[in-house]
């Protein structure tokens, strides 16, 4: 895991055990609202709305976005599917106080 801090935000990057392949990134920022993205889908779990959409570049992956309390989160991955990302997001979300 590599970490970079910005003012009022943090970016975490998770790599495989050899530090070669990026598994996912998680961006967290305080006091930011979630702007809707065209062609995104949503699901609500435990009163938290998760918005996800395909990430298309040289590789295909997913972007998952949600807000809990006053914290905005954005997770992206080329290797995890949406269900796996939501499972991780739920774990993170449980740690945020409202």
C-alpha atoms as a PDB file:
ATOM      1  CA  UNK A   1       0.000   0.000   0.000  1.00  0.00           C
ATOM      2  CA  UNK A   2       1.211   3.459  -0.885  1.00  0.00           C
ATOM      3  CA  UNK A   3      -0.292   6.599   0.593  1.00  0.00           C
ATOM      4  CA  UNK A   4      -0.289  10.232  -0.499  1.00  0.00           C
ATOM      5  CA  UNK A   5      -1.888  13.020   1.552  1.00  0.00           C
ATOM      6  CA  UNK A   6      -3.480  16.153   0.173  1.00  0.00           C
ATOM      7  CA  UNK A   7      -5.176  18.920   2.151  1.00  0.00           C
ATOM      8  CA  UNK A   8      -8.434  17.430   3.532  1.00  0.00           C
ATOM      9  CA  UNK A   9      -7.963  14.256   1.480  1.00  0.00           C
ATOM     10  CA  UNK A  10      -5.992  11.054   1.154  1.00  0.00           C
ATOM     11  CA  UNK A  11      -5.217   8.687  -1.721  1.00  0.00           C
ATOM     12  CA  UNK A  12      -4.408   5.026  -1.033  1.00  0.00           C
ATOM     13  CA  UNK A  13      -3.037   2.731  -3.734  1.00  0.00           C
ATOM     14  CA  UNK A  14      -3.026  -1.033  -3.164  1.00  0.00           C
ATOM     15  CA  UNK A  15      -0.640  -3.204  -5.182  1.00  0.00           C
ATOM     16  CA  UNK A  16      -0.118  -6.951  -5.408  1.00  0.00           C
ATOM     17  CA  UNK A  17       2.460  -8.609  -3.137  1.00  0.00           C
ATOM     18  CA  UNK A  18       5.216  -7.978  -5.702  1.00  0.00           C
ATOM     19  CA  UNK A  19       4.340  -4.271  -5.989  1.00  0.00           C
ATOM     20  CA  UNK A  20       3.896  -4.747  -9.728  1.00  0.00           C
ATOM     21  CA  UNK A  21       0.169  -4.659 -10.398  1.00  0.00           C
ATOM     22  CA  UNK A  22      -2.256  -2.068  -9.080  1.00  0.00           C
ATOM     23  CA  UNK A  23      -5.243  -3.735  -7.432  1.00  0.00           C
ATOM     24  CA  UNK A  24      -7.230  -0.629  -6.501  1.00  0.00           C
ATOM     25  CA  UNK A  25      -7.066   2.979  -5.381  1.00  0.00           C
ATOM     26  CA  UNK A  26      -9.248   4.668  -2.785  1.00  0.00           C
ATOM     27  CA  UNK A  27      -9.611   8.435  -2.646  1.00  0.00           C
ATOM     28  CA  UNK A  28     -11.124  10.050   0.444  1.00  0.00           C
ATOM     29  CA  UNK A  29     -11.957  13.720   0.832  1.00  0.00           C
ATOM     30  CA  UNK A  30     -13.738  15.656   3.580  1.00  0.00           C
ATOM     31  CA  UNK A  31     -16.700  17.916   2.886  1.00  0.00           C
ATOM     32  CA  UNK A  32     -17.190  17.105  -0.781  1.00  0.00           C
ATOM     33  CA  UNK A  33     -20.509  16.188  -2.323  1.00  0.00           C
ATOM     34  CA  UNK A  34     -20.924  13.504  -4.963  1.00  0.00           C
ATOM     35  CA  UNK A  35     -21.691  14.900  -8.407  1.00  0.00           C
ATOM     36  CA  UNK A  36     -23.786  12.505 -10.514  1.00  0.00           C
ATOM     37  CA  UNK A  37     -22.019  10.778 -13.410  1.00  0.00           C
ATOM     38  CA  UNK A  38     -23.935  10.004 -16.579  1.00  0.00           C
ATOM     39  CA  UNK A  39     -24.534   6.293 -17.201  1.00  0.00           C
ATOM     40  CA  UNK A  40     -23.793   5.314 -13.617  1.00  0.00           C
ATOM     41  CA  UNK A  41     -25.818   2.754 -11.707  1.00  0.00           C
ATOM     42  CA  UNK A  42     -26.701   2.939  -8.034  1.00  0.00           C
ATOM     43  CA  UNK A  43     -27.372   0.580  -5.184  1.00  0.00           C
ATOM     44  CA  UNK A  44     -28.325   1.396  -1.601  1.00  0.00           C
ATOM     45  CA  UNK A  45     -26.970  -0.733   1.251  1.00  0.00           C
ATOM     46  CA  UNK A  46     -27.509   0.169   4.926  1.00  0.00           C
ATOM     47  CA  UNK A  47     -28.652   3.715   4.021  1.00  0.00           C
ATOM     48  CA  UNK A  48     -25.538   4.412   1.928  1.00  0.00           C
ATOM     49  CA  UNK A  49     -25.912   5.016  -1.814  1.00  0.00           C
ATOM     50  CA  UNK A  50     -23.093   3.531  -3.895  1.00  0.00           C
ATOM     51  CA  UNK A  51     -22.756   4.797  -7.453  1.00  0.00           C
ATOM     52  CA  UNK A  52     -20.692   2.777  -9.919  1.00  0.00           C
ATOM     53  CA  UNK A  53     -19.784   2.976 -13.565  1.00  0.00           C
ATOM     54  CA  UNK A  54     -17.314   1.345 -15.953  1.00  0.00           C
ATOM     55  CA  UNK A  55     -13.852   2.826 -16.188  1.00  0.00           C
ATOM     56  CA  UNK A  56     -12.663   2.584 -19.743  1.00  0.00           C
ATOM     57  CA  UNK A  57      -9.080   3.233 -20.731  1.00  0.00           C
ATOM     58  CA  UNK A  58      -6.451   0.828 -22.030  1.00  0.00           C
ATOM     59  CA  UNK A  59      -7.905  -1.582 -19.482  1.00  0.00           C
ATOM     60  CA  UNK A  60     -11.484  -2.002 -18.347  1.00  0.00           C
ATOM     61  CA  UNK A  61     -12.423  -1.621 -14.724  1.00  0.00           C
ATOM     62  CA  UNK A  62     -14.875   0.022 -12.360  1.00  0.00           C
ATOM     63  CA  UNK A  63     -15.233   3.230 -10.381  1.00  0.00           C
ATOM     64  CA  UNK A  64     -17.303   3.160  -7.189  1.00  0.00           C
ATOM     65  CA  UNK A  65     -18.305   6.388  -5.431  1.00  0.00           C
ATOM     66  CA  UNK A  66     -20.171   7.076  -2.179  1.00  0.00           C
ATOM     67  CA  UNK A  67     -20.589   9.612   0.623  1.00  0.00           C
ATOM     68  CA  UNK A  68     -20.828   8.762   4.299  1.00  0.00           C
ATOM     69  CA  UNK A  69     -21.295  11.584   6.767  1.00  0.00           C
ATOM     70  CA  UNK A  70     -19.211  14.435   5.364  1.00  0.00           C
ATOM     71  CA  UNK A  71     -16.657  12.140   3.710  1.00  0.00           C
ATOM     72  CA  UNK A  72     -16.589  11.481  -0.050  1.00  0.00           C
ATOM     73  CA  UNK A  73     -15.007   8.219  -1.242  1.00  0.00           C
ATOM     74  CA  UNK A  74     -13.994   7.069  -4.689  1.00  0.00           C
ATOM     75  CA  UNK A  75     -12.569   3.615  -5.395  1.00  0.00           C
ATOM     76  CA  UNK A  76     -11.269   2.423  -8.755  1.00  0.00           C
ATOM     77  CA  UNK A  77      -9.981  -0.959  -9.855  1.00  0.00           C
ATOM     78  CA  UNK A  78      -9.101  -2.893 -12.984  1.00  0.00           C
ATOM     79  CA  UNK A  79      -9.004  -6.223 -11.132  1.00  0.00           C
ATOM     80  CA  UNK A  80     -11.961  -6.187  -8.708  1.00  0.00           C
ATOM     81  CA  UNK A  81     -15.587  -6.494  -9.775  1.00  0.00           C
ATOM     82  CA  UNK A  82     -18.330  -4.216  -8.449  1.00  0.00           C
ATOM     83  CA  UNK A  83     -19.507  -6.686  -5.790  1.00  0.00           C
ATOM     84  CA  UNK A  84     -15.976  -7.036  -4.400  1.00  0.00           C
ATOM     85  CA  UNK A  85     -15.548  -3.262  -4.387  1.00  0.00           C
ATOM     86  CA  UNK A  86     -18.853  -2.750  -2.565  1.00  0.00           C
ATOM     87  CA  UNK A  87     -17.832  -5.331   0.059  1.00  0.00           C
ATOM     88  CA  UNK A  88     -14.634  -3.356   0.712  1.00  0.00           C
ATOM     89  CA  UNK A  89     -16.568  -0.078   0.669  1.00  0.00           C
ATOM     90  CA  UNK A  90     -19.026  -1.361   3.277  1.00  0.00           C
ATOM     91  CA  UNK A  91     -16.108  -2.215   5.569  1.00  0.00           C
ATOM     92  CA  UNK A  92     -14.713   1.303   5.154  1.00  0.00           C
ATOM     93  CA  UNK A  93     -18.130   2.910   5.574  1.00  0.00           C
ATOM     94  CA  UNK A  94     -18.735   1.166   8.904  1.00  0.00           C
ATOM     95  CA  UNK A  95     -15.728   3.043  10.302  1.00  0.00           C
ATOM     96  CA  UNK A  96     -17.109   6.512   9.466  1.00  0.00           C
ATOM     97  CA  UNK A  97     -19.051   8.313  12.168  1.00  0.00           C
ATOM     98  CA  UNK A  98     -22.021  10.389  11.099  1.00  0.00           C
END
